[in-house]
Each structure stands twice: as C-alpha cells, then as structure tokens.
Protein backbone atom coordinates (compact mmCIF):
# COMPACT_ATOMS: atom_id res chain seq x y z
CA MET A 1 -0.02 0.04 -0.01
CA LEU A 2 1.27 3.64 -0.69
CA PRO A 3 2.30 5.77 1.91
CA ALA A 4 -0.44 8.57 2.89
CA ILE A 5 2.18 11.32 1.69
CA PHE A 6 2.37 9.79 -2.00
CA LEU A 7 -1.34 9.44 -2.24
CA GLN A 8 -1.79 13.24 -1.19
CA LEU A 9 0.94 14.14 -3.59
CA ALA A 10 -0.82 12.47 -6.27
CA TYR A 11 -4.28 14.20 -5.51
CA LEU A 12 -2.59 17.54 -5.46
CA PHE A 13 -0.90 17.05 -8.63
CA ILE A 14 -3.98 16.06 -10.34
CA PHE A 15 -5.79 19.02 -8.92
CA ILE A 16 -3.15 21.31 -10.14
CA TRP A 17 -3.08 19.96 -13.43
CA SER A 18 -6.93 19.96 -13.74
CA VAL A 19 -7.06 23.64 -12.64
CA ALA A 20 -4.22 24.63 -15.33
CA MET A 21 -6.05 22.72 -17.96
CA THR A 22 -9.11 24.65 -16.97
CA VAL A 23 -7.48 28.05 -17.44
CA GLN A 24 -6.12 26.94 -20.58
CA ASP A 25 -9.62 26.10 -21.99
CA PHE A 26 -11.05 29.24 -20.85
CA GLN A 27 -8.16 31.03 -22.79
CA SER A 28 -8.91 29.20 -25.94
CA SER A 29 -10.94 31.25 -28.60
CA SER A 30 -13.48 28.26 -29.28
CA LYS A 31 -14.29 26.38 -26.16
CA ASN A 32 -15.16 22.92 -25.80
CA TRP A 33 -17.49 23.13 -22.73
CA LEU A 34 -17.67 19.45 -22.21
CA THR A 35 -13.80 19.27 -21.84
CA VAL A 36 -14.26 22.48 -19.58
CA LEU A 37 -16.63 20.70 -17.45
CA MET A 38 -14.72 17.44 -17.12
CA HIS A 39 -11.60 19.38 -16.05
CA ILE A 40 -13.55 21.20 -13.43
CA SER A 41 -15.32 18.05 -12.13
CA VAL A 42 -11.63 16.36 -11.71
CA ALA A 43 -10.27 19.01 -9.83
CA VAL A 44 -13.24 19.07 -7.73
CA VAL A 45 -13.13 15.18 -7.02
CA SER A 46 -9.38 15.32 -6.49
CA LEU A 47 -9.56 18.28 -4.01
CA ASN A 48 -12.37 16.30 -2.15
CA PHE A 49 -10.00 13.20 -1.99
CA LEU A 50 -7.05 15.37 -1.07
CA LEU A 51 -9.10 16.97 1.93
CA LEU A 52 -10.37 13.69 3.16
CA SER A 53 -6.88 12.08 3.00
CA THR A 54 -5.70 14.82 5.33
CA GLY A 55 -8.65 14.39 7.73
CA ILE A 56 -10.61 17.67 6.51
CA SER A 57 -14.10 17.21 5.75
CA LEU A 58 -16.55 19.67 4.12
C-alpha cells in the first residue's frame, strides 16, 4: 500500500493539472464546454479526496 504522503501528492498533482487545463480551456478562442466541465469535475473530486485524506471534511 502507498504511504499517505504519496497519495496526497498524487491528488495535489491531479488538482493542479486540472486547474491548469481549465485555465487553458478558458483562454482558448473556441471552447469545448464538455472538456471544460470534465476538467472542473476532476479538480473538484481530486480536491475532495485530498481534503479527506488529510482529515478535513466539508
């Protein structure tokens, strides 16, 4: 089983990547809204998992 710190770093990396992709999607002249929504949902889910793994619940 992975140590908790590696799992938390993976969640953090996924969150940062999803936010970066969302910003990049909004800077594009032609927006594919399904892709934008997918990146936002991945960011929300990864942030939720990150917070739960650190003991913070919303």
